[in-house]
């Protein structure tokens, strides 16, 4: 697992992405309700598991298919 604490402060671990490509909706860490991420690294970086955007429009560096 990548430790997000090691990224520079201006690095955005997650961001809005175009629909149809890699996204939280296709990630193994997506929570059962489709609105949360269960990856501990994302939770640490984001301050919680709630996704900041719709799962089909958001992705982070910790994506796993």
PDB file of N, CA and C in Angstrom:
ATOM      1  N   UNK A   1       0.839  -1.187   0.000  1.00  0.00           N
ATOM      2  CA  UNK A   1       0.000   0.000   0.000  1.00  0.00           C
ATOM      3  C   UNK A   1       0.878   1.241   0.000  1.00  0.00           C
ATOM      4  N   UNK A   2       0.488   2.236  -0.753  1.00  0.00           N
ATOM      5  CA  UNK A   2       1.193   3.504  -0.805  1.00  0.00           C
ATOM      6  C   UNK A   2       0.780   4.335   0.403  1.00  0.00           C
ATOM      7  N   UNK A   3       1.741   4.939   1.071  1.00  0.00           N
ATOM      8  CA  UNK A   3       1.436   5.789   2.224  1.00  0.00           C
ATOM      9  C   UNK A   3       1.221   7.217   1.750  1.00  0.00           C
ATOM     10  N   UNK A   4      -0.046   7.690   1.713  1.00  0.00           N
ATOM     11  CA  UNK A   4      -0.317   9.038   1.222  1.00  0.00           C
ATOM     12  C   UNK A   4       0.366  10.122   2.049  1.00  0.00           C
ATOM     13  N   UNK A   5       0.764   9.806   3.256  1.00  0.00           N
ATOM     14  CA  UNK A   5       1.432  10.805   4.077  1.00  0.00           C
ATOM     15  C   UNK A   5       2.784  11.192   3.471  1.00  0.00           C
ATOM     16  N   UNK A   6       3.304  10.374   2.554  1.00  0.00           N
ATOM     17  CA  UNK A   6       4.594  10.649   1.941  1.00  0.00           C
ATOM     18  C   UNK A   6       4.492  11.516   0.689  1.00  0.00           C
ATOM     19  N   UNK A   7       3.285  11.798   0.225  1.00  0.00           N
ATOM     20  CA  UNK A   7       3.111  12.663  -0.938  1.00  0.00           C
ATOM     21  C   UNK A   7       3.364  14.117  -0.554  1.00  0.00           C
ATOM     22  N   UNK A   8       3.792  14.947  -1.503  1.00  0.00           N
ATOM     23  CA  UNK A   8       3.905  16.389  -1.225  1.00  0.00           C
ATOM     24  C   UNK A   8       2.530  16.956  -0.866  1.00  0.00           C
ATOM     25  N   UNK A   9       2.509  18.029  -0.103  1.00  0.00           N
ATOM     26  CA  UNK A   9       1.240  18.610   0.358  1.00  0.00           C
ATOM     27  C   UNK A   9       0.330  19.035  -0.795  1.00  0.00           C
ATOM     28  N   UNK A  10       0.903  19.407  -1.942  1.00  0.00           N
ATOM     29  CA  UNK A  10       0.068  19.854  -3.059  1.00  0.00           C
ATOM     30  C   UNK A  10      -0.390  18.707  -3.969  1.00  0.00           C
ATOM     31  N   UNK A  11      -0.007  17.464  -3.641  1.00  0.00           N
ATOM     32  CA  UNK A  11      -0.429  16.314  -4.447  1.00  0.00           C
ATOM     33  C   UNK A  11      -1.889  15.987  -4.152  1.00  0.00           C
ATOM     34  N   UNK A  12      -2.654  15.790  -5.198  1.00  0.00           N
ATOM     35  CA  UNK A  12      -4.045  15.381  -5.052  1.00  0.00           C
ATOM     36  C   UNK A  12      -4.120  13.881  -5.291  1.00  0.00           C
ATOM     37  N   UNK A  13      -4.281  13.113  -4.244  1.00  0.00           N
ATOM     38  CA  UNK A  13      -4.351  11.655  -4.336  1.00  0.00           C
ATOM     39  C   UNK A  13      -5.557  11.216  -5.152  1.00  0.00           C
ATOM     40  N   UNK A  14      -6.645  11.976  -5.064  1.00  0.00           N
ATOM     41  CA  UNK A  14      -7.861  11.676  -5.806  1.00  0.00           C
ATOM     42  C   UNK A  14      -8.329  12.884  -6.583  1.00  0.00           C
ATOM     43  N   UNK A  15      -9.090  12.628  -7.659  1.00  0.00           N
ATOM     44  CA  UNK A  15      -9.582  13.740  -8.462  1.00  0.00           C
ATOM     45  C   UNK A  15     -10.771  13.322  -9.319  1.00  0.00           C
ATOM     46  N   UNK A  16     -11.478  14.312  -9.829  1.00  0.00           N
ATOM     47  CA  UNK A  16     -12.586  14.086 -10.761  1.00  0.00           C
ATOM     48  C   UNK A  16     -11.997  13.529 -12.058  1.00  0.00           C
ATOM     49  N   UNK A  17     -12.631  12.508 -12.614  1.00  0.00           N
ATOM     50  CA  UNK A  17     -12.165  11.870 -13.849  1.00  0.00           C
ATOM     51  C   UNK A  17     -13.308  11.767 -14.848  1.00  0.00           C
ATOM     52  N   UNK A  18     -12.989  11.616 -16.142  1.00  0.00           N
ATOM     53  CA  UNK A  18     -14.051  11.435 -17.129  1.00  0.00           C
ATOM     54  C   UNK A  18     -14.776  10.104 -16.918  1.00  0.00           C
ATOM     55  N   UNK A  19     -16.070  10.096 -17.119  1.00  0.00           N
ATOM     56  CA  UNK A  19     -16.852   8.862 -16.995  1.00  0.00           C
ATOM     57  C   UNK A  19     -16.421   7.870 -18.066  1.00  0.00           C
ATOM     58  N   UNK A  20     -16.395   6.593 -17.694  1.00  0.00           N
ATOM     59  CA  UNK A  20     -16.068   5.537 -18.645  1.00  0.00           C
ATOM     60  C   UNK A  20     -14.685   4.936 -18.436  1.00  0.00           C
ATOM     61  N   UNK A  21     -13.794   5.636 -17.772  1.00  0.00           N
ATOM     62  CA  UNK A  21     -12.450   5.117 -17.525  1.00  0.00           C
ATOM     63  C   UNK A  21     -12.333   4.563 -16.116  1.00  0.00           C
ATOM     64  N   UNK A  22     -11.119   4.551 -15.604  1.00  0.00           N
ATOM     65  CA  UNK A  22     -10.901   4.121 -14.220  1.00  0.00           C
ATOM     66  C   UNK A  22     -11.684   5.031 -13.291  1.00  0.00           C
ATOM     67  N   UNK A  23     -12.383   4.449 -12.337  1.00  0.00           N
ATOM     68  CA  UNK A  23     -13.147   5.243 -11.378  1.00  0.00           C
ATOM     69  C   UNK A  23     -13.429   4.401 -10.142  1.00  0.00           C
ATOM     70  N   UNK A  24     -13.853   5.054  -9.105  1.00  0.00           N
ATOM     71  CA  UNK A  24     -14.196   4.352  -7.867  1.00  0.00           C
ATOM     72  C   UNK A  24     -15.278   3.305  -8.104  1.00  0.00           C
ATOM     73  N   UNK A  25     -16.157   3.542  -9.064  1.00  0.00           N
ATOM     74  CA  UNK A  25     -17.242   2.592  -9.317  1.00  0.00           C
ATOM     75  C   UNK A  25     -16.722   1.233  -9.799  1.00  0.00           C
ATOM     76  N   UNK A  26     -15.480   1.187 -10.264  1.00  0.00           N
ATOM     77  CA  UNK A  26     -14.876  -0.055 -10.744  1.00  0.00           C
ATOM     78  C   UNK A  26     -13.782  -0.556  -9.805  1.00  0.00           C
ATOM     79  N   UNK A  27     -13.649   0.045  -8.636  1.00  0.00           N
ATOM     80  CA  UNK A  27     -12.551  -0.257  -7.720  1.00  0.00           C
ATOM     81  C   UNK A  27     -12.971  -1.254  -6.633  1.00  0.00           C
ATOM     82  N   UNK A  28     -12.057  -2.128  -6.274  1.00  0.00           N
ATOM     83  CA  UNK A  28     -12.354  -3.128  -5.236  1.00  0.00           C
ATOM     84  C   UNK A  28     -12.579  -2.511  -3.861  1.00  0.00           C
ATOM     85  N   UNK A  29     -12.178  -1.268  -3.651  1.00  0.00           N
ATOM     86  CA  UNK A  29     -12.329  -0.618  -2.347  1.00  0.00           C
ATOM     87  C   UNK A  29     -13.644   0.135  -2.183  1.00  0.00           C
ATOM     88  N   UNK A  30     -14.490   0.145  -3.213  1.00  0.00           N
ATOM     89  CA  UNK A  30     -15.768   0.854  -3.121  1.00  0.00           C
ATOM     90  C   UNK A  30     -16.643   0.210  -2.055  1.00  0.00           C
ATOM     91  N   UNK A  31     -17.183   1.025  -1.154  1.00  0.00           N
ATOM     92  CA  UNK A  31     -18.060   0.536  -0.099  1.00  0.00           C
ATOM     93  C   UNK A  31     -19.391   0.049  -0.660  1.00  0.00           C
ATOM     94  N   UNK A  32     -20.122  -0.719   0.120  1.00  0.00           N
ATOM     95  CA  UNK A  32     -21.362  -1.348  -0.338  1.00  0.00           C
ATOM     96  C   UNK A  32     -22.425  -0.353  -0.777  1.00  0.00           C
ATOM     97  N   UNK A  33     -22.452   0.848  -0.236  1.00  0.00           N
ATOM     98  CA  UNK A  33     -23.434   1.838  -0.648  1.00  0.00           C
ATOM     99  C   UNK A  33     -23.020   2.630  -1.872  1.00  0.00           C
ATOM    100  N   UNK A  34     -21.788   2.423  -2.356  1.00  0.00           N
ATOM    101  CA  UNK A  34     -21.313   3.116  -3.547  1.00  0.00           C
ATOM    102  C   UNK A  34     -20.889   4.553  -3.327  1.00  0.00           C
ATOM    103  N   UNK A  35     -20.796   4.984  -2.068  1.00  0.00           N
ATOM    104  CA  UNK A  35     -20.442   6.373  -1.786  1.00  0.00           C
ATOM    105  C   UNK A  35     -19.227   6.501  -0.880  1.00  0.00           C
ATOM    106  N   UNK A  36     -18.608   5.366  -0.565  1.00  0.00           N
ATOM    107  CA  UNK A  36     -17.452   5.394   0.328  1.00  0.00           C
ATOM    108  C   UNK A  36     -16.309   4.548  -0.225  1.00  0.00           C
ATOM    109  N   UNK A  37     -15.105   4.876   0.251  1.00  0.00           N
ATOM    110  CA  UNK A  37     -13.910   4.107  -0.081  1.00  0.00           C
ATOM    111  C   UNK A  37     -13.434   3.420   1.194  1.00  0.00           C
ATOM    112  N   UNK A  38     -13.072   2.152   1.081  1.00  0.00           N
ATOM    113  CA  UNK A  38     -12.638   1.381   2.239  1.00  0.00           C
ATOM    114  C   UNK A  38     -11.111   1.273   2.330  1.00  0.00           C
ATOM    115  N   UNK A  39     -10.397   1.909   1.410  1.00  0.00           N
ATOM    116  CA  UNK A  39      -8.937   1.844   1.421  1.00  0.00           C
ATOM    117  C   UNK A  39      -8.394   2.702   2.574  1.00  0.00           C
ATOM    118  N   UNK A  40      -7.623   2.116   3.488  1.00  0.00           N
ATOM    119  CA  UNK A  40      -7.102   2.872   4.632  1.00  0.00           C
ATOM    120  C   UNK A  40      -6.249   4.078   4.232  1.00  0.00           C
ATOM    121  N   UNK A  41      -5.500   3.961   3.140  1.00  0.00           N
ATOM    122  CA  UNK A  41      -4.680   5.082   2.676  1.00  0.00           C
ATOM    123  C   UNK A  41      -5.525   6.248   2.211  1.00  0.00           C
ATOM    124  N   UNK A  42      -6.613   5.955   1.481  1.00  0.00           N
ATOM    125  CA  UNK A  42      -7.516   7.014   1.036  1.00  0.00           C
ATOM    126  C   UNK A  42      -8.200   7.659   2.232  1.00  0.00           C
ATOM    127  N   UNK A  43      -8.655   6.847   3.158  1.00  0.00           N
ATOM    128  CA  UNK A  43      -9.338   7.367   4.351  1.00  0.00           C
ATOM    129  C   UNK A  43      -8.415   8.308   5.118  1.00  0.00           C
ATOM    130  N   UNK A  44      -7.152   7.936   5.250  1.00  0.00           N
ATOM    131  CA  UNK A  44      -6.178   8.788   5.954  1.00  0.00           C
ATOM    132  C   UNK A  44      -5.985  10.112   5.220  1.00  0.00           C
ATOM    133  N   UNK A  45      -5.824  10.047   3.897  1.00  0.00           N
ATOM    134  CA  UNK A  45      -5.612  11.258   3.104  1.00  0.00           C
ATOM    135  C   UNK A  45      -6.847  12.151   3.077  1.00  0.00           C
ATOM    136  N   UNK A  46      -8.019  11.541   2.912  1.00  0.00           N
ATOM    137  CA  UNK A  46      -9.271  12.276   2.752  1.00  0.00           C
ATOM    138  C   UNK A  46      -9.891  12.713   4.077  1.00  0.00           C
ATOM    139  N   UNK A  47      -9.436  12.121   5.168  1.00  0.00           N
ATOM    140  CA  UNK A  47     -10.032  12.437   6.466  1.00  0.00           C
ATOM    141  C   UNK A  47     -11.313  11.665   6.722  1.00  0.00           C
ATOM    142  N   UNK A  48     -11.565  10.645   5.940  1.00  0.00           N
ATOM    143  CA  UNK A  48     -12.753   9.800   6.071  1.00  0.00           C
ATOM    144  C   UNK A  48     -12.987   9.054   4.775  1.00  0.00           C
ATOM    145  N   UNK A  49     -13.903   8.109   4.794  1.00  0.00           N
ATOM    146  CA  UNK A  49     -14.146   7.274   3.627  1.00  0.00           C
ATOM    147  C   UNK A  49     -15.140   7.810   2.621  1.00  0.00           C
ATOM    148  N   UNK A  50     -15.852   8.897   2.943  1.00  0.00           N
ATOM    149  CA  UNK A  50     -16.862   9.423   2.018  1.00  0.00           C
ATOM    150  C   UNK A  50     -16.194   9.965   0.756  1.00  0.00           C
ATOM    151  N   UNK A  51     -16.673   9.506  -0.404  1.00  0.00           N
ATOM    152  CA  UNK A  51     -16.133   9.992  -1.667  1.00  0.00           C
ATOM    153  C   UNK A  51     -16.558  11.435  -1.900  1.00  0.00           C
ATOM    154  N   UNK A  52     -15.641  12.281  -2.386  1.00  0.00           N
ATOM    155  CA  UNK A  52     -15.971  13.686  -2.620  1.00  0.00           C
ATOM    156  C   UNK A  52     -16.804  13.940  -3.875  1.00  0.00           C
ATOM    157  N   UNK A  53     -17.018  12.908  -4.679  1.00  0.00           N
ATOM    158  CA  UNK A  53     -17.812  13.021  -5.908  1.00  0.00           C
ATOM    159  C   UNK A  53     -18.450  11.662  -6.174  1.00  0.00           C
ATOM    160  N   UNK A  54     -19.305  11.603  -7.173  1.00  0.00           N
ATOM    161  CA  UNK A  54     -19.943  10.337  -7.540  1.00  0.00           C
ATOM    162  C   UNK A  54     -18.880   9.300  -7.895  1.00  0.00           C
ATOM    163  N   UNK A  55     -19.135   8.047  -7.554  1.00  0.00           N
ATOM    164  CA  UNK A  55     -18.164   6.973  -7.754  1.00  0.00           C
ATOM    165  C   UNK A  55     -17.764   6.793  -9.221  1.00  0.00           C
ATOM    166  N   UNK A  56     -18.642   7.138 -10.161  1.00  0.00           N
ATOM    167  CA  UNK A  56     -18.297   6.988 -11.580  1.00  0.00           C
ATOM    168  C   UNK A  56     -17.565   8.197 -12.145  1.00  0.00           C
ATOM    169  N   UNK A  57     -17.322   9.195 -11.282  1.00  0.00           N
ATOM    170  CA  UNK A  57     -16.664  10.434 -11.712  1.00  0.00           C
ATOM    171  C   UNK A  57     -15.453  10.783 -10.865  1.00  0.00           C
ATOM    172  N   UNK A  58     -14.973   9.842 -10.054  1.00  0.00           N
ATOM    173  CA  UNK A  58     -13.861  10.115  -9.148  1.00  0.00           C
ATOM    174  C   UNK A  58     -12.934   8.907  -9.119  1.00  0.00           C
ATOM    175  N   UNK A  59     -11.639   9.158  -8.989  1.00  0.00           N
ATOM    176  CA  UNK A  59     -10.667   8.068  -8.881  1.00  0.00           C
ATOM    177  C   UNK A  59      -9.449   8.580  -8.110  1.00  0.00           C
ATOM    178  N   UNK A  60      -8.740   7.649  -7.466  1.00  0.00           N
ATOM    179  CA  UNK A  60      -7.528   8.044  -6.748  1.00  0.00           C
ATOM    180  C   UNK A  60      -6.359   7.155  -7.140  1.00  0.00           C
ATOM    181  N   UNK A  61      -5.178   7.545  -6.709  1.00  0.00           N
ATOM    182  CA  UNK A  61      -3.948   6.815  -7.023  1.00  0.00           C
ATOM    183  C   UNK A  61      -3.969   5.389  -6.482  1.00  0.00           C
ATOM    184  N   UNK A  62      -4.817   5.091  -5.529  1.00  0.00           N
ATOM    185  CA  UNK A  62      -4.854   3.782  -4.878  1.00  0.00           C
ATOM    186  C   UNK A  62      -5.843   2.823  -5.530  1.00  0.00           C
ATOM    187  N   UNK A  63      -6.366   3.191  -6.697  1.00  0.00           N
ATOM    188  CA  UNK A  63      -7.341   2.392  -7.451  1.00  0.00           C
ATOM    189  C   UNK A  63      -6.834   0.972  -7.674  1.00  0.00           C
ATOM    190  N   UNK A  64      -7.697   0.005  -7.433  1.00  0.00           N
ATOM    191  CA  UNK A  64      -7.426  -1.406  -7.729  1.00  0.00           C
ATOM    192  C   UNK A  64      -8.659  -1.978  -8.418  1.00  0.00           C
ATOM    193  N   UNK A  65      -8.457  -2.580  -9.594  1.00  0.00           N
ATOM    194  CA  UNK A  65      -9.618  -3.133 -10.316  1.00  0.00           C
ATOM    195  C   UNK A  65     -10.044  -4.457  -9.738  1.00  0.00           C
TER     196      UNK A  65
END
